[in-house]
Amino acid sequence: MFFLALCIFITIIVFFIIVLLSRRKQGRPTTSLVMPFVFVLLLFGFVLAVAAVTGVSINSVGTNEFFMVQVVPFYYWLGLALVAGATGYLLLFYEKKNPMILVVFALILLVVSMRFIFPGIFVSVTSYEPDSNYYMSVVDSWTKIGINFGAEGMYQHDYPMSFIIAYAFAKLGVPVEEFFRWAPSFVYALDVLLLYFLYKEIFPRTRAENGVLMAIMFFSLSTLKYFMTIHWCPDIVGASFLLLALYSSVRFAKRGVWKVQTILPMLILIFALILSHHLSTLYFTIALLGLAISARLFRVPEIRGGSLSFFVLAICTYTIWFAYGSYFYPSFFRLYVYFGGQVGSPTSQFSGLALLDRLTLIAQPIFVSIFLVWEVLRSFEIKKLSDLIPLLRKPTLKILSLQENERLPMAFAGGFFVLSLIILLGIVIPTIFPDRVLEVFLVGMYPAASLKFTRFCCEGSKKRKILLLTILVFLVFVSTYRYNRGQQMRLIGS
């Protein structure tokens, strides 16, 4: 298989080199060949990665060395490198009008390539995710004896949306196990599309192309695994509805139209989110409260509805959730009334990891944080340490050096800063969920970070772009390792 793929790859390269030399000899432009060549490499890399992964069959997770290194063929990594390189090139080097649709498509292929190893190599879904046995048995029983949400405390009773969706596909003839195996990959693609629409609402038109796409690239490199879980479950559906609800909320606040036809769809969407997952609902509510504060502080001109739009939606969300939770799972819901429960923090988890696992966990957040902090310092006109003194003496947002069309990305980040307080305080239920808080928090930070990244890239030389491309490809490998390594560690209990 590998040698066949290598022959095809070499043939493609030789073909394009011949055409390139022929065009140069004839004095014809060669730039028109760049896009087809990149597109072919992108598709070829994805097909190579899929062939490498699906060509392996194993039954259990390794317990010693990282099993992917031992089991996954090395030409999977070659395919991943081609997908990452082609995507990075489109983001950093393509000088013409940015082909938005193609880049979004490339980002979808990249996200899926990084995260479909487990479903591709394992013989059964329960081999790599034992929890799926429960989820699949519920859907399977629904198809045979009818829908039964069960008693309080059961996932299908408290958060039925993922089960309803799986049941609908099962009734359409999709085998239950195959749905649970491949549905997450489609959700990854859906999340990229939802982020595209969300970030396009946040970015000004003048920066929409590069800013939106780089923000999605940051999301694709996420080293954590709770936001985009490896198996079909309420968590992964809740994450998608969270992104959809955020998009709808920002769009609603920008329009500022308080009518039945605008309010009712939002309420329906909020209820769908509540039916999906409790933590996504909690984080959505807190994010809205943070956005209500930051939209007022930053005086964002695009928010015609004002900060009141976000505040009202937050109150509506918690009111509907309170009524639903108090009735359907009252004993469990009491934890969320006081935002209490078990106390934990990412620090406690981080300290128990091996050195390599620590480094791969923090690589992408640190990369994003550098550009985020850099943009914040630029916004406050802080170029040296002494510039901090006036800000510390009299904290104010009036000294922000922001153009009006840059205020919304920064306000969006400011709104999600409230979630960072939850991380620091460790108010999470239970202790495994700081990772999820951090992921949601980063979703809010990506637009502001990409402002500086795109400015840094556009102002730089070709060498700087090559360096950035190298770093992005490296982070793709690091993130792929970390995402799958995290699942392995969870399964073997380390």
Protein backbone atom coordinates (compact mmCIF):
# COMPACT_ATOMS: atom_id res chain seq x y z
CA MET A 1 0.00 0.00 0.00
CA PHE A 2 2.72 2.43 0.97
CA PHE A 3 4.75 1.79 -2.16
CA LEU A 4 1.66 2.28 -4.35
CA ALA A 5 0.92 5.56 -2.60
CA LEU A 6 4.57 6.63 -2.92
CA CYS A 7 4.52 5.89 -6.67
CA ILE A 8 1.35 7.97 -7.08
CA PHE A 9 2.91 10.78 -5.07
CA ILE A 10 6.10 10.80 -7.15
CA THR A 11 4.04 10.70 -10.36
CA ILE A 12 2.07 13.77 -9.25
CA ILE A 13 5.25 15.67 -8.42
CA VAL A 14 6.93 14.76 -11.70
CA PHE A 15 3.81 15.71 -13.68
CA PHE A 16 3.61 19.16 -12.13
CA ILE A 17 7.37 19.74 -12.55
CA ILE A 18 7.11 18.86 -16.26
CA VAL A 19 4.14 21.21 -16.74
CA LEU A 20 5.92 23.95 -14.77
CA LEU A 21 9.11 23.71 -16.85
CA SER A 22 7.09 23.58 -20.05
CA ARG A 23 5.21 26.75 -19.13
CA ARG A 24 8.39 28.57 -18.20
CA LYS A 25 10.00 27.57 -21.49
CA GLN A 26 7.00 28.95 -23.37
CA GLY A 27 7.01 32.12 -21.28
CA ARG A 28 3.54 31.42 -19.86
CA PRO A 29 2.56 32.25 -16.24
CA THR A 30 3.06 29.45 -13.72
CA THR A 31 1.16 30.89 -10.75
CA SER A 32 -2.09 29.33 -11.97
CA LEU A 33 -0.58 25.90 -11.25
CA VAL A 34 -0.07 26.57 -7.55
CA MET A 35 -3.66 26.09 -6.43
CA PRO A 36 -4.29 22.81 -8.33
CA PHE A 37 -0.98 21.43 -7.04
CA VAL A 38 -1.76 22.33 -3.43
CA PHE A 39 -5.27 20.92 -3.76
CA VAL A 40 -3.96 17.61 -5.14
CA LEU A 41 -1.43 17.35 -2.31
CA LEU A 42 -4.18 18.06 0.20
CA LEU A 43 -6.47 15.32 -1.13
CA PHE A 44 -3.62 12.88 -1.60
CA GLY A 45 -2.40 13.43 1.97
CA PHE A 46 -5.88 12.85 3.36
CA VAL A 47 -6.42 9.66 1.33
CA LEU A 48 -2.97 8.41 2.36
CA ALA A 49 -3.75 9.03 6.05
CA VAL A 50 -7.13 7.28 5.76
CA ALA A 51 -5.59 4.28 3.98
CA ALA A 52 -2.83 4.01 6.59
CA VAL A 53 -5.21 4.06 9.54
CA THR A 54 -7.96 1.82 8.15
CA GLY A 55 -5.35 -0.71 7.03
CA VAL A 56 -4.61 -1.59 10.67
CA SER A 57 -6.81 -3.64 13.01
CA ILE A 58 -6.13 -3.95 16.73
CA ASN A 59 -8.24 -5.00 19.69
CA SER A 60 -6.77 -3.25 22.74
CA VAL A 61 -4.85 -0.18 23.83
CA GLY A 62 -1.14 -0.58 24.55
CA THR A 63 -0.05 -0.05 28.15
CA ASN A 64 3.67 0.69 27.82
CA GLU A 65 5.09 2.89 25.08
CA PHE A 66 2.67 5.09 23.20
CA PHE A 67 0.90 2.55 21.09
CA MET A 68 0.43 4.82 18.04
CA VAL A 69 4.17 4.81 17.40
CA GLN A 70 4.12 1.03 17.33
CA VAL A 71 0.88 0.43 15.45
CA VAL A 72 0.05 3.33 13.12
CA PRO A 73 2.08 3.11 9.85
CA PHE A 74 4.56 5.91 9.37
CA TYR A 75 2.95 6.88 6.06
CA TYR A 76 -0.05 8.08 8.10
CA TRP A 77 2.29 10.77 9.42
CA LEU A 78 3.40 11.52 5.87
CA GLY A 79 -0.22 12.00 4.85
CA LEU A 80 -0.85 14.18 7.89
CA ALA A 81 2.22 16.28 7.04
CA LEU A 82 0.92 16.82 3.49
CA VAL A 83 -2.51 17.89 4.76
CA ALA A 84 -0.96 20.19 7.37
CA GLY A 85 1.56 21.63 4.92
CA ALA A 86 -1.03 22.30 2.22
CA THR A 87 -3.38 23.92 4.72
CA GLY A 88 -0.59 26.04 6.19
CA TYR A 89 0.49 27.15 2.73
CA LEU A 90 -3.02 28.32 1.87
CA LEU A 91 -3.12 30.29 5.12
CA LEU A 92 0.32 31.87 4.97
CA PHE A 93 1.61 32.00 1.40
CA TYR A 94 -1.22 32.20 -1.08
CA GLU A 95 -1.04 35.85 -2.10
CA LYS A 96 -4.18 36.07 -4.18
CA LYS A 97 -7.63 36.55 -2.76
CA ASN A 98 -7.87 33.94 -0.06
CA PRO A 99 -9.99 31.00 -1.29
CA MET A 100 -12.20 30.84 1.82
CA ILE A 101 -14.16 27.74 0.82
CA LEU A 102 -11.02 25.79 -0.06
CA VAL A 103 -9.22 26.75 3.16
CA VAL A 104 -12.25 25.82 5.29
CA PHE A 105 -12.37 22.51 3.43
CA ALA A 106 -8.64 22.02 4.10
CA LEU A 107 -9.14 22.78 7.81
CA ILE A 108 -11.94 20.21 7.95
CA LEU A 109 -9.68 17.57 6.41
CA LEU A 110 -6.94 18.53 8.85
CA VAL A 111 -9.16 18.25 11.94
CA VAL A 112 -10.55 14.91 10.83
CA SER A 113 -7.08 13.57 9.93
CA MET A 114 -5.77 14.42 13.38
CA ARG A 115 -8.61 12.73 15.24
CA PHE A 116 -9.82 9.63 13.42
CA ILE A 117 -7.01 7.26 14.39
CA PHE A 118 -8.94 5.42 17.12
CA PRO A 119 -12.10 4.76 15.08
CA GLY A 120 -9.96 3.72 12.12
CA ILE A 121 -7.63 1.17 13.72
CA PHE A 122 -9.80 -0.50 16.38
CA VAL A 123 -11.95 -3.50 15.54
CA SER A 124 -14.90 -2.33 17.66
CA VAL A 125 -15.99 0.99 19.16
CA THR A 126 -16.01 -0.40 22.69
CA SER A 127 -12.34 -1.41 22.29
CA TYR A 128 -11.24 2.22 22.49
CA GLU A 129 -14.23 3.69 24.34
CA PRO A 130 -15.98 1.36 26.82
CA ASP A 131 -18.60 4.02 27.64
CA SER A 132 -19.98 3.61 24.12
CA ASN A 133 -21.32 0.20 25.12
CA TYR A 134 -23.94 1.92 27.29
CA TYR A 135 -24.76 4.60 24.70
CA MET A 136 -25.12 2.08 21.88
CA SER A 137 -27.26 -0.28 23.95
CA VAL A 138 -29.72 2.54 24.63
CA VAL A 139 -30.04 3.44 20.94
CA ASP A 140 -30.24 -0.22 19.96
CA SER A 141 -33.06 -0.83 22.45
CA TRP A 142 -34.93 2.23 21.16
CA THR A 143 -34.88 0.82 17.63
CA LYS A 144 -36.31 -2.51 18.86
CA ILE A 145 -38.80 -1.67 21.61
CA GLY A 146 -39.35 2.07 21.23
CA ILE A 147 -38.03 5.23 22.89
CA ASN A 148 -37.65 5.02 26.65
CA PHE A 149 -35.82 7.85 28.41
CA GLY A 150 -35.45 5.83 31.60
CA ALA A 151 -35.18 7.17 35.13
CA GLU A 152 -33.43 10.20 36.60
CA GLY A 153 -29.67 9.92 36.53
CA MET A 154 -29.52 8.17 33.16
CA TYR A 155 -27.88 10.13 30.35
CA GLN A 156 -30.74 9.51 27.94
CA HIS A 157 -33.15 10.86 30.56
CA ASP A 158 -31.23 13.97 31.57
CA TYR A 159 -29.54 14.90 28.26
CA PRO A 160 -31.42 13.06 25.47
CA MET A 161 -30.32 15.05 22.40
CA SER A 162 -27.37 12.85 21.35
CA PHE A 163 -29.50 9.72 21.75
CA ILE A 164 -32.33 11.23 19.69
CA ILE A 165 -29.92 12.10 16.87
CA ALA A 166 -28.34 8.62 16.92
CA TYR A 167 -31.78 7.02 16.98
CA ALA A 168 -32.87 9.07 13.95
CA PHE A 169 -29.89 7.83 11.92
CA ALA A 170 -30.48 4.26 13.10
CA LYS A 171 -34.07 4.46 11.85
CA LEU A 172 -32.70 5.63 8.49
CA GLY A 173 -30.79 2.34 8.24
CA VAL A 174 -27.35 3.36 9.52
CA PRO A 175 -25.87 0.55 11.70
CA VAL A 176 -25.63 1.74 15.32
CA GLU A 177 -21.97 0.79 15.81
CA GLU A 178 -20.89 2.36 12.52
CA PHE A 179 -22.72 5.55 13.43
CA PHE A 180 -20.95 5.71 16.80
CA ARG A 181 -17.65 5.00 15.07
CA TRP A 182 -17.77 7.69 12.36
CA ALA A 183 -20.28 10.30 13.57
CA PRO A 184 -17.64 12.19 15.63
CA SER A 185 -15.62 12.81 12.45
CA PHE A 186 -18.63 14.51 10.90
CA VAL A 187 -19.08 16.54 14.09
CA TYR A 188 -15.46 17.73 13.83
CA ALA A 189 -16.26 18.97 10.33
CA LEU A 190 -19.45 20.59 11.58
CA ASP A 191 -17.56 22.35 14.38
CA VAL A 192 -15.17 23.91 11.87
CA LEU A 193 -18.14 25.24 9.89
CA LEU A 194 -19.82 26.56 13.03
CA LEU A 195 -16.59 28.28 14.07
CA TYR A 196 -16.30 29.79 10.61
CA PHE A 197 -19.72 31.42 10.92
CA LEU A 198 -19.13 32.42 14.55
CA TYR A 199 -15.75 34.04 13.92
CA LYS A 200 -16.99 35.70 10.74
CA GLU A 201 -19.56 37.50 12.89
CA ILE A 202 -16.84 38.56 15.31
CA PHE A 203 -14.23 39.80 12.85
CA PRO A 204 -14.52 43.08 10.93
CA ARG A 205 -14.95 42.71 7.21
CA THR A 206 -11.48 44.11 6.54
CA ARG A 207 -9.86 41.29 8.53
CA ALA A 208 -12.43 38.57 8.01
CA GLU A 209 -10.48 36.27 5.73
CA ASN A 210 -7.12 35.75 7.44
CA GLY A 211 -8.39 36.32 10.98
CA VAL A 212 -11.27 33.85 10.76
CA LEU A 213 -9.19 31.14 9.15
CA MET A 214 -6.25 31.47 11.53
CA ALA A 215 -8.64 31.41 14.51
CA ILE A 216 -10.06 28.11 13.22
CA MET A 217 -6.50 26.84 12.73
CA PHE A 218 -5.79 27.55 16.39
CA PHE A 219 -8.92 25.59 17.30
CA SER A 220 -7.83 22.70 15.08
CA LEU A 221 -4.56 22.45 17.01
CA SER A 222 -6.29 21.97 20.35
CA THR A 223 -4.24 19.58 22.48
CA LEU A 224 -7.14 18.71 24.77
CA LYS A 225 -9.83 16.13 24.17
CA TYR A 226 -12.99 16.99 26.08
CA PHE A 227 -14.39 19.57 23.69
CA MET A 228 -14.03 17.22 20.71
CA THR A 229 -14.42 13.84 22.38
CA ILE A 230 -13.28 10.71 20.65
CA HIS A 231 -16.70 9.03 20.79
CA TRP A 232 -20.32 9.93 20.18
CA CYS A 233 -21.83 11.13 23.45
CA PRO A 234 -23.77 14.06 24.98
CA ASP A 235 -20.49 15.96 25.42
CA ILE A 236 -19.64 16.20 21.72
CA VAL A 237 -23.18 17.19 20.77
CA GLY A 238 -23.26 19.78 23.55
CA ALA A 239 -20.02 21.31 22.24
CA SER A 240 -21.54 21.77 18.77
CA PHE A 241 -24.71 23.32 20.16
CA LEU A 242 -22.54 25.61 22.31
CA LEU A 243 -20.80 26.95 19.19
CA LEU A 244 -24.12 27.30 17.37
CA ALA A 245 -25.67 29.12 20.33
CA LEU A 246 -22.67 31.48 20.56
CA TYR A 247 -22.95 32.28 16.86
CA SER A 248 -26.68 32.95 17.15
CA SER A 249 -26.18 35.08 20.27
CA VAL A 250 -23.54 37.32 18.66
CA ARG A 251 -25.67 37.64 15.53
CA PHE A 252 -28.72 38.49 17.65
CA ALA A 253 -26.79 41.12 19.63
CA LYS A 254 -25.39 42.69 16.45
CA ARG A 255 -28.82 43.04 14.90
CA GLY A 256 -30.45 44.29 18.08
CA VAL A 257 -33.93 43.38 16.87
CA TRP A 258 -36.27 42.35 19.69
CA LYS A 259 -39.10 40.61 17.88
CA VAL A 260 -40.86 37.26 18.19
CA GLN A 261 -39.22 35.97 15.00
CA THR A 262 -35.75 36.71 16.43
CA ILE A 263 -36.33 35.74 20.07
CA LEU A 264 -38.21 32.47 19.48
CA PRO A 265 -35.45 30.76 17.42
CA MET A 266 -32.94 31.68 20.13
CA LEU A 267 -35.14 30.18 22.85
CA ILE A 268 -35.57 26.97 20.81
CA LEU A 269 -31.81 26.77 20.29
CA ILE A 270 -31.17 27.37 24.00
CA PHE A 271 -33.54 24.54 24.89
CA ALA A 272 -31.77 22.24 22.40
CA LEU A 273 -28.48 23.12 24.10
CA ILE A 274 -29.97 22.28 27.51
CA LEU A 275 -31.11 18.91 26.17
CA SER A 276 -27.58 18.25 24.90
CA HIS A 277 -25.28 18.64 27.89
CA HIS A 278 -25.25 20.35 31.28
CA LEU A 279 -21.66 21.64 31.20
CA SER A 280 -22.05 23.22 27.76
CA THR A 281 -25.12 24.99 29.11
CA LEU A 282 -23.24 26.18 32.18
CA TYR A 283 -20.29 27.53 30.19
CA PHE A 284 -22.59 29.17 27.64
CA THR A 285 -24.41 30.99 30.42
CA ILE A 286 -21.19 32.22 32.02
CA ALA A 287 -19.77 33.26 28.63
CA LEU A 288 -22.90 35.32 27.91
CA LEU A 289 -22.60 37.09 31.27
CA GLY A 290 -18.96 37.85 30.49
CA LEU A 291 -19.88 39.14 27.03
CA ALA A 292 -22.52 41.40 28.57
CA ILE A 293 -19.83 43.01 30.73
CA SER A 294 -17.12 43.26 28.05
CA ALA A 295 -19.46 44.57 25.35
CA ARG A 296 -20.29 47.49 27.63
CA LEU A 297 -16.69 48.14 28.68
CA PHE A 298 -15.30 48.03 25.14
CA ARG A 299 -18.20 50.03 23.67
CA VAL A 300 -18.37 47.78 20.61
CA PRO A 301 -20.16 49.70 17.84
CA GLU A 302 -21.31 46.53 16.05
CA ILE A 303 -23.39 45.40 19.04
CA ARG A 304 -26.53 47.36 18.27
CA GLY A 305 -28.53 45.55 20.89
CA GLY A 306 -25.99 46.54 23.54
CA SER A 307 -24.79 44.42 26.43
CA LEU A 308 -28.42 43.89 27.44
CA SER A 309 -28.78 41.38 24.57
CA PHE A 310 -26.21 39.02 26.06
CA PHE A 311 -27.49 39.54 29.60
CA VAL A 312 -31.10 38.73 28.72
CA LEU A 313 -30.04 35.61 26.81
CA ALA A 314 -27.95 34.49 29.80
CA ILE A 315 -30.90 34.95 32.17
CA CYS A 316 -33.22 33.12 29.75
CA THR A 317 -30.76 30.24 29.45
CA TYR A 318 -30.34 29.78 33.17
CA THR A 319 -34.08 30.19 33.83
CA ILE A 320 -35.03 27.51 31.28
CA TRP A 321 -32.22 25.27 32.50
CA PHE A 322 -33.22 25.78 36.13
CA ALA A 323 -36.83 24.79 35.37
CA TYR A 324 -35.78 21.80 33.29
CA GLY A 325 -33.03 20.59 35.64
CA SER A 326 -35.05 21.06 38.81
CA TYR A 327 -37.78 18.87 37.38
CA PHE A 328 -35.82 16.18 35.53
CA TYR A 329 -32.69 15.76 37.66
CA PRO A 330 -33.17 17.80 40.86
CA SER A 331 -30.60 16.04 43.06
CA PHE A 332 -27.83 16.54 40.53
CA PHE A 333 -28.93 20.00 39.46
CA ARG A 334 -28.53 21.44 42.97
CA LEU A 335 -24.77 21.44 42.36
CA TYR A 336 -25.20 24.00 39.60
CA VAL A 337 -27.52 26.32 41.50
CA TYR A 338 -24.55 27.35 43.65
CA PHE A 339 -21.84 26.66 41.05
CA GLY A 340 -20.38 24.22 43.55
CA GLY A 341 -19.26 20.65 43.71
CA GLN A 342 -15.89 18.99 43.78
CA VAL A 343 -13.01 21.41 43.62
CA GLY A 344 -10.20 20.76 41.18
CA SER A 345 -7.89 22.61 38.85
CA PRO A 346 -5.74 21.92 35.78
CA THR A 347 -2.67 22.32 38.00
CA SER A 348 -3.44 19.16 39.96
CA GLN A 349 -3.83 17.18 36.73
CA PHE A 350 -0.78 18.73 35.10
CA SER A 351 1.50 17.86 38.01
CA GLY A 352 0.74 14.15 37.64
CA LEU A 353 1.79 13.92 33.98
CA ALA A 354 5.09 12.74 32.56
CA LEU A 355 7.39 15.38 31.09
CA LEU A 356 6.54 14.62 27.44
CA ASP A 357 2.82 14.66 28.22
CA ARG A 358 3.18 18.01 29.97
CA LEU A 359 5.03 19.55 27.05
CA THR A 360 2.54 18.32 24.46
CA LEU A 361 -0.37 19.49 26.59
CA ILE A 362 0.83 23.10 26.92
CA ALA A 363 2.48 23.54 23.48
CA GLN A 364 -0.59 24.84 21.64
CA PRO A 365 -2.02 26.98 24.48
CA ILE A 366 1.39 28.65 24.93
CA PHE A 367 1.67 29.32 21.18
CA VAL A 368 -1.77 30.95 21.15
CA SER A 369 -1.12 32.82 24.41
CA ILE A 370 2.02 34.47 23.00
CA PHE A 371 0.04 36.12 20.21
CA LEU A 372 -2.88 36.87 22.51
CA VAL A 373 -0.71 38.65 25.09
CA TRP A 374 1.17 40.40 22.30
CA GLU A 375 -2.13 41.76 20.92
CA VAL A 376 -3.30 42.85 24.37
CA LEU A 377 -0.03 44.71 24.99
CA ARG A 378 -0.33 46.43 21.62
CA SER A 379 -3.92 47.40 22.42
CA PHE A 380 -2.83 49.06 25.67
CA GLU A 381 0.19 50.64 23.92
CA ILE A 382 2.57 48.80 26.27
CA LYS A 383 5.97 48.58 24.61
CA LYS A 384 8.14 48.45 27.71
CA LEU A 385 7.73 47.66 31.40
CA SER A 386 7.41 51.31 32.47
CA ASP A 387 4.28 51.64 30.30
CA LEU A 388 2.47 49.42 32.79
CA ILE A 389 2.70 52.02 35.59
CA PRO A 390 -0.06 54.38 34.32
CA LEU A 391 -2.33 51.40 33.72
CA LEU A 392 -1.77 50.02 37.24
CA ARG A 393 -2.31 53.43 38.83
CA LYS A 394 -5.56 54.10 37.02
CA PRO A 395 -7.02 51.03 35.30
CA THR A 396 -9.20 52.14 32.41
CA LEU A 397 -10.17 50.94 28.98
CA LYS A 398 -9.97 54.45 27.56
CA ILE A 399 -6.27 54.04 26.81
CA LEU A 400 -6.96 51.09 24.54
CA SER A 401 -5.32 51.71 21.19
CA LEU A 402 -7.96 49.83 19.24
CA GLN A 403 -9.68 50.75 16.04
CA GLU A 404 -13.43 50.45 16.26
CA ASN A 405 -13.46 47.50 13.87
CA GLU A 406 -11.06 45.58 16.18
CA ARG A 407 -13.08 45.99 19.35
CA LEU A 408 -15.42 43.03 18.89
CA PRO A 409 -12.67 40.33 18.78
CA MET A 410 -11.10 41.83 21.91
CA ALA A 411 -14.48 42.16 23.64
CA PHE A 412 -15.22 38.54 22.75
CA ALA A 413 -11.97 37.51 24.44
CA GLY A 414 -12.79 39.73 27.42
CA GLY A 415 -16.16 38.04 27.79
CA PHE A 416 -14.55 34.63 28.01
CA PHE A 417 -12.09 35.86 30.61
CA VAL A 418 -14.77 35.11 33.23
CA LEU A 419 -14.30 31.43 32.41
CA SER A 420 -10.62 31.75 33.28
CA LEU A 421 -11.66 32.70 36.81
CA ILE A 422 -13.50 29.37 37.02
CA ILE A 423 -10.30 27.63 36.00
CA LEU A 424 -8.27 29.45 38.65
CA LEU A 425 -10.84 28.90 41.40
CA GLY A 426 -11.34 25.26 40.44
CA ILE A 427 -15.13 25.52 40.55
CA VAL A 428 -15.75 22.54 38.32
CA ILE A 429 -17.82 19.39 38.56
CA PRO A 430 -16.14 16.96 38.84
CA THR A 431 -12.37 17.38 38.78
CA ILE A 432 -11.85 16.13 35.23
CA PHE A 433 -13.61 19.16 33.76
CA PRO A 434 -10.98 21.93 34.03
CA ASP A 435 -9.75 20.72 30.64
CA ARG A 436 -13.17 21.42 29.16
CA VAL A 437 -13.26 24.89 30.75
CA LEU A 438 -9.84 25.63 29.28
CA GLU A 439 -10.99 24.57 25.82
CA VAL A 440 -14.10 26.75 25.93
CA PHE A 441 -11.96 29.60 27.26
CA LEU A 442 -9.54 29.23 24.34
CA VAL A 443 -12.42 29.33 21.85
CA GLY A 444 -12.98 32.88 23.07
CA MET A 445 -9.27 33.76 22.88
CA TYR A 446 -8.55 32.52 19.33
CA PRO A 447 -9.95 35.56 17.44
CA ALA A 448 -7.92 38.08 19.46
CA ALA A 449 -4.78 35.94 19.11
CA SER A 450 -5.25 35.60 15.37
CA LEU A 451 -5.42 39.41 15.03
CA LYS A 452 -1.79 39.62 16.05
CA PHE A 453 -0.82 36.45 14.21
CA THR A 454 -2.14 37.69 10.86
CA ARG A 455 -0.57 41.12 11.40
CA PHE A 456 2.74 39.48 12.34
CA CYS A 457 2.55 37.25 9.27
CA CYS A 458 1.59 40.00 6.80
CA GLU A 459 4.31 42.33 8.04
CA GLY A 460 6.97 39.63 7.82
CA SER A 461 9.31 38.33 5.17
CA LYS A 462 9.12 35.03 3.35
CA LYS A 463 11.52 33.51 5.88
CA ARG A 464 9.16 34.43 8.71
CA LYS A 465 6.30 32.72 6.91
CA ILE A 466 8.38 29.59 6.37
CA LEU A 467 9.17 29.57 10.09
CA LEU A 468 5.49 29.95 10.98
CA LEU A 469 4.54 27.18 8.56
CA THR A 470 7.13 24.89 10.15
CA ILE A 471 5.78 25.66 13.62
CA LEU A 472 2.18 25.02 12.54
CA VAL A 473 3.06 21.64 11.01
CA PHE A 474 5.02 20.76 14.14
CA LEU A 475 2.03 21.69 16.32
CA VAL A 476 -0.21 19.49 14.17
CA PHE A 477 2.00 16.50 15.03
CA VAL A 478 2.18 17.48 18.69
CA SER A 479 -1.58 17.94 18.93
CA THR A 480 -2.30 14.64 17.18
CA TYR A 481 -0.01 12.86 19.59
CA ARG A 482 -1.52 14.57 22.64
CA TYR A 483 -5.15 14.07 21.64
CA ASN A 484 -4.75 10.33 21.13
CA ARG A 485 -2.29 9.94 23.99
CA GLY A 486 -4.84 11.51 26.33
CA GLN A 487 -7.40 8.91 25.34
CA GLN A 488 -4.91 6.11 25.89
CA MET A 489 -4.00 7.43 29.33
CA ARG A 490 -7.66 7.62 30.30
CA LEU A 491 -8.26 4.03 29.23
CA ILE A 492 -5.28 2.54 31.07
CA GLY A 493 -5.98 4.68 34.15
CA SER A 494 -2.68 6.59 34.27
